[in-house]
């Protein structure tokens, strides 16, 4: 979900991972965006997008590999984003067309909306697999948050389609680098009430991680069944 979604939705899952200094994750998530912004402002070919796109592909690749090496796992959201960067960025460079790099946020946000909402329609709480270690909520809470974030990502995709057509390249780059990230952060803050309303008490948090529940009551004849994942 671009860096805006990446930073807040990177999953510190249960697989063994090193304890990282607090600056490492933001550097990995936002480094490619900042590099893209700086190179676009300091070069001229294709309104600065040609060399900026090359830099974005290179730094994104390094960021994903560094994250894999440091945390002993592939980062889900940055990896998906990196695939779009490679494909659409490669087309921008090969065809020297700004269209492909400018529609990349549209494809990325739309893809995450489809993944989240499509998974929910199939009974899977995919957002929980990303944020389940950081947040402890009821299944109903995860369903509501999934719908809201999925629709918000869809809104960002539509907004990018409007902005890329109406803004200059410099202004679009500014919005892409800072605007989307800020919008997602503010929107996430507005969901505090939902998160608090559906938070699990500490005594009810599963001991085995976000996808496990406490053992069923031996006196109960009803099996609650597996928790959606």
C-alpha atoms as a PDB file:
ATOM      1  CA  UNK A   1       0.000   0.000   0.000  1.00  0.00           C
ATOM      2  CA  UNK A   2       2.770   2.239  -0.786  1.00  0.00           C
ATOM      3  CA  UNK A   3       4.876   3.577   2.064  1.00  0.00           C
ATOM      4  CA  UNK A   4       1.774   5.056   3.656  1.00  0.00           C
ATOM      5  CA  UNK A   5       0.319   1.601   4.046  1.00  0.00           C
ATOM      6  CA  UNK A   6       3.660  -0.116   4.249  1.00  0.00           C
ATOM      7  CA  UNK A   7       4.902   1.479   7.467  1.00  0.00           C
ATOM      8  CA  UNK A   8       1.687   1.017   9.400  1.00  0.00           C
ATOM      9  CA  UNK A   9       0.900  -2.435   8.007  1.00  0.00           C
ATOM     10  CA  UNK A  10       4.294  -4.147   8.053  1.00  0.00           C
ATOM     11  CA  UNK A  11       3.798  -7.337  10.016  1.00  0.00           C
ATOM     12  CA  UNK A  12       6.153  -8.118  12.894  1.00  0.00           C
ATOM     13  CA  UNK A  13       4.865 -11.677  12.727  1.00  0.00           C
ATOM     14  CA  UNK A  14       5.672 -14.557  14.967  1.00  0.00           C
ATOM     15  CA  UNK A  15       8.661 -15.827  12.974  1.00  0.00           C
ATOM     16  CA  UNK A  16      12.042 -15.233  14.612  1.00  0.00           C
ATOM     17  CA  UNK A  17      13.302 -11.729  13.883  1.00  0.00           C
ATOM     18  CA  UNK A  18      16.050  -9.534  15.187  1.00  0.00           C
ATOM     19  CA  UNK A  19      15.244  -6.627  17.454  1.00  0.00           C
ATOM     20  CA  UNK A  20      15.812  -3.593  15.254  1.00  0.00           C
ATOM     21  CA  UNK A  21      16.718  -0.049  16.259  1.00  0.00           C
ATOM     22  CA  UNK A  22      13.626   2.183  16.005  1.00  0.00           C
ATOM     23  CA  UNK A  23      14.967   4.102  12.989  1.00  0.00           C
ATOM     24  CA  UNK A  24      15.507   1.042  10.780  1.00  0.00           C
ATOM     25  CA  UNK A  25      11.919   0.294   9.777  1.00  0.00           C
ATOM     26  CA  UNK A  26      11.016   3.908   8.832  1.00  0.00           C
ATOM     27  CA  UNK A  27      14.269   4.116   6.837  1.00  0.00           C
ATOM     28  CA  UNK A  28      13.398   0.941   4.932  1.00  0.00           C
ATOM     29  CA  UNK A  29       9.804   2.009   4.308  1.00  0.00           C
ATOM     30  CA  UNK A  30      10.271   5.689   3.465  1.00  0.00           C
ATOM     31  CA  UNK A  31      13.794   5.623   2.024  1.00  0.00           C
ATOM     32  CA  UNK A  32      12.660   4.723  -1.528  1.00  0.00           C
ATOM     33  CA  UNK A  33      10.008   7.478  -1.536  1.00  0.00           C
ATOM     34  CA  UNK A  34      12.374  10.176  -0.307  1.00  0.00           C
ATOM     35  CA  UNK A  35      15.005   9.085  -2.841  1.00  0.00           C
ATOM     36  CA  UNK A  36      12.419   9.256  -5.628  1.00  0.00           C
ATOM     37  CA  UNK A  37      11.402  12.762  -4.552  1.00  0.00           C
ATOM     38  CA  UNK A  38      14.981  14.095  -4.364  1.00  0.00           C
ATOM     39  CA  UNK A  39      16.096  12.639  -7.704  1.00  0.00           C
ATOM     40  CA  UNK A  40      12.941  13.847  -9.463  1.00  0.00           C
ATOM     41  CA  UNK A  41      13.610  17.376  -8.231  1.00  0.00           C
ATOM     42  CA  UNK A  42      17.272  17.373  -9.304  1.00  0.00           C
ATOM     43  CA  UNK A  43      17.069  15.856 -12.802  1.00  0.00           C
ATOM     44  CA  UNK A  44      15.289  16.885 -16.000  1.00  0.00           C
ATOM     45  CA  UNK A  45      14.840  13.861 -18.254  1.00  0.00           C
ATOM     46  CA  UNK A  46      11.119  13.059 -18.501  1.00  0.00           C
ATOM     47  CA  UNK A  47      10.418  15.869 -16.004  1.00  0.00           C
ATOM     48  CA  UNK A  48      12.828  14.187 -13.621  1.00  0.00           C
ATOM     49  CA  UNK A  49      10.883  10.917 -13.610  1.00  0.00           C
ATOM     50  CA  UNK A  50      13.338   8.889 -15.699  1.00  0.00           C
ATOM     51  CA  UNK A  51      16.263   8.836 -13.281  1.00  0.00           C
ATOM     52  CA  UNK A  52      13.935   9.066 -10.286  1.00  0.00           C
ATOM     53  CA  UNK A  53      12.255   5.842 -11.399  1.00  0.00           C
ATOM     54  CA  UNK A  54      15.605   4.091 -11.813  1.00  0.00           C
ATOM     55  CA  UNK A  55      16.561   5.235  -8.315  1.00  0.00           C
ATOM     56  CA  UNK A  56      13.196   4.089  -6.945  1.00  0.00           C
ATOM     57  CA  UNK A  57      13.595   0.596  -8.379  1.00  0.00           C
ATOM     58  CA  UNK A  58      17.149   0.296  -7.055  1.00  0.00           C
ATOM     59  CA  UNK A  59      16.442   1.606  -3.542  1.00  0.00           C
ATOM     60  CA  UNK A  60      13.202  -0.388  -3.231  1.00  0.00           C
ATOM     61  CA  UNK A  61      15.052  -3.585  -4.155  1.00  0.00           C
ATOM     62  CA  UNK A  62      17.774  -2.855  -1.607  1.00  0.00           C
ATOM     63  CA  UNK A  63      15.168  -2.011   1.065  1.00  0.00           C
ATOM     64  CA  UNK A  64      13.291  -5.294   0.564  1.00  0.00           C
ATOM     65  CA  UNK A  65      16.510  -7.334   0.645  1.00  0.00           C
ATOM     66  CA  UNK A  66      17.789  -5.518   3.746  1.00  0.00           C
ATOM     67  CA  UNK A  67      14.467  -6.086   5.481  1.00  0.00           C
ATOM     68  CA  UNK A  68      14.647  -9.788   4.592  1.00  0.00           C
ATOM     69  CA  UNK A  69      18.197 -10.035   5.952  1.00  0.00           C
ATOM     70  CA  UNK A  70      17.512  -8.114   9.164  1.00  0.00           C
ATOM     71  CA  UNK A  71      14.161  -9.638  10.081  1.00  0.00           C
ATOM     72  CA  UNK A  72      14.629 -13.157   8.682  1.00  0.00           C
ATOM     73  CA  UNK A  73      11.406 -12.958   6.667  1.00  0.00           C
ATOM     74  CA  UNK A  74      10.069 -11.400   3.492  1.00  0.00           C
ATOM     75  CA  UNK A  75       8.142  -8.172   4.259  1.00  0.00           C
ATOM     76  CA  UNK A  76       4.708  -8.779   2.710  1.00  0.00           C
ATOM     77  CA  UNK A  77       3.529  -5.275   1.889  1.00  0.00           C
ATOM     78  CA  UNK A  78       6.877  -3.840   0.670  1.00  0.00           C
ATOM     79  CA  UNK A  79       7.395  -6.980  -1.433  1.00  0.00           C
ATOM     80  CA  UNK A  80       4.054  -6.543  -3.231  1.00  0.00           C
ATOM     81  CA  UNK A  81       4.754  -2.844  -3.708  1.00  0.00           C
ATOM     82  CA  UNK A  82       8.216  -3.675  -5.030  1.00  0.00           C
ATOM     83  CA  UNK A  83       6.726  -5.890  -7.728  1.00  0.00           C
ATOM     84  CA  UNK A  84       4.604  -3.003  -8.994  1.00  0.00           C
ATOM     85  CA  UNK A  85       7.642  -0.710  -8.844  1.00  0.00           C
ATOM     86  CA  UNK A  86       9.670  -3.141 -10.925  1.00  0.00           C
ATOM     87  CA  UNK A  87       7.013  -3.738 -13.585  1.00  0.00           C
ATOM     88  CA  UNK A  88       5.540  -0.247 -14.005  1.00  0.00           C
ATOM     89  CA  UNK A  89       8.849   1.483 -13.332  1.00  0.00           C
ATOM     90  CA  UNK A  90      10.506  -0.725 -15.925  1.00  0.00           C
ATOM     91  CA  UNK A  91       7.869   0.271 -18.498  1.00  0.00           C
ATOM     92  CA  UNK A  92       8.427   3.942 -17.655  1.00  0.00           C
ATOM     93  CA  UNK A  93      12.149   3.593 -18.296  1.00  0.00           C
ATOM     94  CA  UNK A  94      11.844   1.443 -21.431  1.00  0.00           C
ATOM     95  CA  UNK A  95       9.102   3.492 -23.094  1.00  0.00           C
ATOM     96  CA  UNK A  96      10.117   6.832 -21.516  1.00  0.00           C
ATOM     97  CA  UNK A  97       6.497   7.461 -20.620  1.00  0.00           C
ATOM     98  CA  UNK A  98       5.427   9.087 -17.357  1.00  0.00           C
ATOM     99  CA  UNK A  99       2.096   7.272 -17.510  1.00  0.00           C
ATOM    100  CA  UNK A 100       3.288   4.014 -15.972  1.00  0.00           C
ATOM    101  CA  UNK A 101       5.063   5.418 -12.926  1.00  0.00           C
ATOM    102  CA  UNK A 102       2.155   7.796 -12.289  1.00  0.00           C
ATOM    103  CA  UNK A 103      -0.454   5.027 -12.347  1.00  0.00           C
ATOM    104  CA  UNK A 104       1.624   2.862 -10.010  1.00  0.00           C
ATOM    105  CA  UNK A 105      -0.049   4.235  -6.830  1.00  0.00           C
ATOM    106  CA  UNK A 106      -3.417   3.571  -8.460  1.00  0.00           C
ATOM    107  CA  UNK A 107      -2.541  -0.072  -9.068  1.00  0.00           C
ATOM    108  CA  UNK A 108      -0.940  -0.527  -5.642  1.00  0.00           C
ATOM    109  CA  UNK A 109      -3.827   0.949  -3.652  1.00  0.00           C
ATOM    110  CA  UNK A 110      -6.424  -0.811  -5.790  1.00  0.00           C
ATOM    111  CA  UNK A 111      -4.576  -4.124  -5.376  1.00  0.00           C
ATOM    112  CA  UNK A 112      -4.563  -3.837  -1.593  1.00  0.00           C
ATOM    113  CA  UNK A 113      -8.258  -2.898  -1.604  1.00  0.00           C
ATOM    114  CA  UNK A 114      -9.049  -5.992  -3.665  1.00  0.00           C
ATOM    115  CA  UNK A 115      -6.846  -8.209  -1.492  1.00  0.00           C
ATOM    116  CA  UNK A 116      -8.379  -6.991   1.778  1.00  0.00           C
ATOM    117  CA  UNK A 117     -12.021  -6.853   0.671  1.00  0.00           C
ATOM    118  CA  UNK A 118     -11.790  -9.954  -1.493  1.00  0.00           C
ATOM    119  CA  UNK A 119     -10.204 -11.898   1.348  1.00  0.00           C
ATOM    120  CA  UNK A 120     -12.937 -10.717   3.703  1.00  0.00           C
ATOM    121  CA  UNK A 121     -15.615 -11.875   1.239  1.00  0.00           C
ATOM    122  CA  UNK A 122     -13.989 -15.316   1.291  1.00  0.00           C
ATOM    123  CA  UNK A 123     -13.949 -15.366   5.097  1.00  0.00           C
ATOM    124  CA  UNK A 124     -10.288 -14.458   5.632  1.00  0.00           C
ATOM    125  CA  UNK A 125      -9.171 -11.647   7.934  1.00  0.00           C
ATOM    126  CA  UNK A 126      -6.004 -10.829   6.010  1.00  0.00           C
ATOM    127  CA  UNK A 127      -5.520  -7.536   7.836  1.00  0.00           C
ATOM    128  CA  UNK A 128      -5.192  -9.471  11.086  1.00  0.00           C
ATOM    129  CA  UNK A 129      -2.295 -11.444   9.618  1.00  0.00           C
ATOM    130  CA  UNK A 130      -0.516  -8.129   9.031  1.00  0.00           C
ATOM    131  CA  UNK A 131      -1.432  -6.206  12.172  1.00  0.00           C
ATOM    132  CA  UNK A 132      -2.395  -9.034  14.507  1.00  0.00           C
ATOM    133  CA  UNK A 133       0.751  -8.818  16.596  1.00  0.00           C
ATOM    134  CA  UNK A 134       0.385  -5.085  17.196  1.00  0.00           C
ATOM    135  CA  UNK A 135      -3.398  -5.041  17.720  1.00  0.00           C
ATOM    136  CA  UNK A 136      -5.573  -7.454  19.692  1.00  0.00           C
ATOM    137  CA  UNK A 137      -9.192  -7.225  18.579  1.00  0.00           C
ATOM    138  CA  UNK A 138     -12.303  -9.321  18.198  1.00  0.00           C
ATOM    139  CA  UNK A 139     -13.106 -10.822  14.803  1.00  0.00           C
ATOM    140  CA  UNK A 140     -15.895  -8.270  14.414  1.00  0.00           C
ATOM    141  CA  UNK A 141     -13.392  -5.488  14.974  1.00  0.00           C
ATOM    142  CA  UNK A 142     -11.055  -6.911  12.342  1.00  0.00           C
ATOM    143  CA  UNK A 143     -13.917  -7.188   9.862  1.00  0.00           C
ATOM    144  CA  UNK A 144     -14.933  -3.570  10.352  1.00  0.00           C
ATOM    145  CA  UNK A 145     -11.355  -2.297  10.180  1.00  0.00           C
ATOM    146  CA  UNK A 146     -10.709  -4.362   7.044  1.00  0.00           C
ATOM    147  CA  UNK A 147     -13.720  -2.831   5.301  1.00  0.00           C
ATOM    148  CA  UNK A 148     -12.722   0.682   6.297  1.00  0.00           C
ATOM    149  CA  UNK A 149      -9.083   0.390   5.280  1.00  0.00           C
ATOM    150  CA  UNK A 150      -9.991  -1.449   2.082  1.00  0.00           C
ATOM    151  CA  UNK A 151     -12.416   1.310   1.070  1.00  0.00           C
ATOM    152  CA  UNK A 152      -9.886   3.976   2.047  1.00  0.00           C
ATOM    153  CA  UNK A 153      -7.252   2.384  -0.174  1.00  0.00           C
ATOM    154  CA  UNK A 154      -9.788   2.321  -2.989  1.00  0.00           C
ATOM    155  CA  UNK A 155     -10.395   6.022  -2.363  1.00  0.00           C
ATOM    156  CA  UNK A 156      -6.660   6.715  -2.598  1.00  0.00           C
ATOM    157  CA  UNK A 157      -6.529   4.848  -5.915  1.00  0.00           C
ATOM    158  CA  UNK A 158      -9.330   7.017  -7.305  1.00  0.00           C
ATOM    159  CA  UNK A 159      -7.716  10.177  -5.890  1.00  0.00           C
ATOM    160  CA  UNK A 160      -4.444   9.348  -7.632  1.00  0.00           C
ATOM    161  CA  UNK A 161      -6.260   8.992 -10.943  1.00  0.00           C
ATOM    162  CA  UNK A 162      -7.613  12.517 -10.530  1.00  0.00           C
ATOM    163  CA  UNK A 163      -4.390  14.056  -9.250  1.00  0.00           C
ATOM    164  CA  UNK A 164      -2.066  12.558 -11.861  1.00  0.00           C
ATOM    165  CA  UNK A 165      -4.254  14.070 -14.578  1.00  0.00           C
ATOM    166  CA  UNK A 166      -4.617  17.519 -13.019  1.00  0.00           C
ATOM    167  CA  UNK A 167      -1.313  18.253 -11.263  1.00  0.00           C
ATOM    168  CA  UNK A 168       2.096  19.058 -12.694  1.00  0.00           C
ATOM    169  CA  UNK A 169       4.760  16.379 -12.278  1.00  0.00           C
ATOM    170  CA  UNK A 170       6.435  18.303  -9.446  1.00  0.00           C
ATOM    171  CA  UNK A 171       3.187  18.744  -7.549  1.00  0.00           C
ATOM    172  CA  UNK A 172       2.128  15.139  -8.144  1.00  0.00           C
ATOM    173  CA  UNK A 173       5.491  13.916  -6.840  1.00  0.00           C
ATOM    174  CA  UNK A 174       5.019  15.978  -3.684  1.00  0.00           C
ATOM    175  CA  UNK A 175       1.561  14.509  -3.089  1.00  0.00           C
ATOM    176  CA  UNK A 176       2.818  10.995  -3.840  1.00  0.00           C
ATOM    177  CA  UNK A 177       5.727  11.328  -1.409  1.00  0.00           C
ATOM    178  CA  UNK A 178       4.082  13.142   1.480  1.00  0.00           C
ATOM    179  CA  UNK A 179       0.341  13.520   0.886  1.00  0.00           C
ATOM    180  CA  UNK A 180      -0.713   9.879   0.669  1.00  0.00           C
ATOM    181  CA  UNK A 181       1.392   8.908   3.681  1.00  0.00           C
ATOM    182  CA  UNK A 182      -0.044  11.743   5.766  1.00  0.00           C
ATOM    183  CA  UNK A 183      -3.602  10.955   4.656  1.00  0.00           C
ATOM    184  CA  UNK A 184      -3.245   7.309   5.659  1.00  0.00           C
ATOM    185  CA  UNK A 185      -1.709   8.217   9.021  1.00  0.00           C
ATOM    186  CA  UNK A 186      -4.543  10.650   9.828  1.00  0.00           C
ATOM    187  CA  UNK A 187      -7.155   8.131   8.721  1.00  0.00           C
ATOM    188  CA  UNK A 188      -5.610   5.446  10.905  1.00  0.00           C
ATOM    189  CA  UNK A 189      -5.793   7.806  13.882  1.00  0.00           C
ATOM    190  CA  UNK A 190      -9.517   8.270  13.270  1.00  0.00           C
ATOM    191  CA  UNK A 191     -10.003   4.517  13.730  1.00  0.00           C
ATOM    192  CA  UNK A 192      -8.889   4.659  17.353  1.00  0.00           C
ATOM    193  CA  UNK A 193     -12.473   4.505  18.594  1.00  0.00           C
ATOM    194  CA  UNK A 194     -13.217   1.329  16.634  1.00  0.00           C
ATOM    195  CA  UNK A 195      -9.984  -0.295  17.775  1.00  0.00           C
ATOM    196  CA  UNK A 196     -10.682   0.585  21.404  1.00  0.00           C
ATOM    197  CA  UNK A 197     -14.297  -0.599  21.212  1.00  0.00           C
ATOM    198  CA  UNK A 198     -13.273  -4.036  19.907  1.00  0.00           C
ATOM    199  CA  UNK A 199     -10.011  -4.468  21.806  1.00  0.00           C
ATOM    200  CA  UNK A 200      -9.552  -7.765  23.611  1.00  0.00           C
ATOM    201  CA  UNK A 201      -8.821  -7.550  27.344  1.00  0.00           C
ATOM    202  CA  UNK A 202      -5.294  -8.658  28.186  1.00  0.00           C
ATOM    203  CA  UNK A 203      -6.657 -11.755  29.930  1.00  0.00           C
ATOM    204  CA  UNK A 204      -8.371 -12.837  26.709  1.00  0.00           C
ATOM    205  CA  UNK A 205      -5.394 -12.441  24.360  1.00  0.00           C
ATOM    206  CA  UNK A 206      -4.386 -15.774  22.826  1.00  0.00           C
ATOM    207  CA  UNK A 207      -1.128 -17.062  24.242  1.00  0.00           C
ATOM    208  CA  UNK A 208       0.022 -18.517  20.921  1.00  0.00           C
ATOM    209  CA  UNK A 209      -0.272 -15.377  18.807  1.00  0.00           C
ATOM    210  CA  UNK A 210      -2.998 -13.568  16.890  1.00  0.00           C
ATOM    211  CA  UNK A 211      -4.272 -16.704  15.136  1.00  0.00           C
ATOM    212  CA  UNK A 212      -4.744 -18.911  18.177  1.00  0.00           C
ATOM    213  CA  UNK A 213      -7.374 -18.944  20.866  1.00  0.00           C
ATOM    214  CA  UNK A 214      -7.375 -20.230  24.461  1.00  0.00           C
ATOM    215  CA  UNK A 215      -8.360 -23.897  24.773  1.00  0.00           C
ATOM    216  CA  UNK A 216     -12.112 -24.487  24.763  1.00  0.00           C
ATOM    217  CA  UNK A 217     -13.823 -25.016  28.088  1.00  0.00           C
ATOM    218  CA  UNK A 218     -13.749 -28.741  28.777  1.00  0.00           C
ATOM    219  CA  UNK A 219     -17.323 -28.512  30.080  1.00  0.00           C
ATOM    220  CA  UNK A 220     -18.582 -26.938  26.886  1.00  0.00           C
ATOM    221  CA  UNK A 221     -20.286 -29.089  24.285  1.00  0.00           C
ATOM    222  CA  UNK A 222     -19.863 -26.420  21.609  1.00  0.00           C
ATOM    223  CA  UNK A 223     -16.653 -26.160  19.588  1.00  0.00           C
ATOM    224  CA  UNK A 224     -16.118 -22.552  18.629  1.00  0.00           C
ATOM    225  CA  UNK A 225     -14.199 -23.660  15.513  1.00  0.00           C
ATOM    226  CA  UNK A 226     -11.056 -22.180  13.986  1.00  0.00           C
ATOM    227  CA  UNK A 227     -10.575 -18.446  13.919  1.00  0.00           C
ATOM    228  CA  UNK A 228     -10.539 -16.942  10.424  1.00  0.00           C
ATOM    229  CA  UNK A 229      -7.075 -16.008   9.231  1.00  0.00           C
END
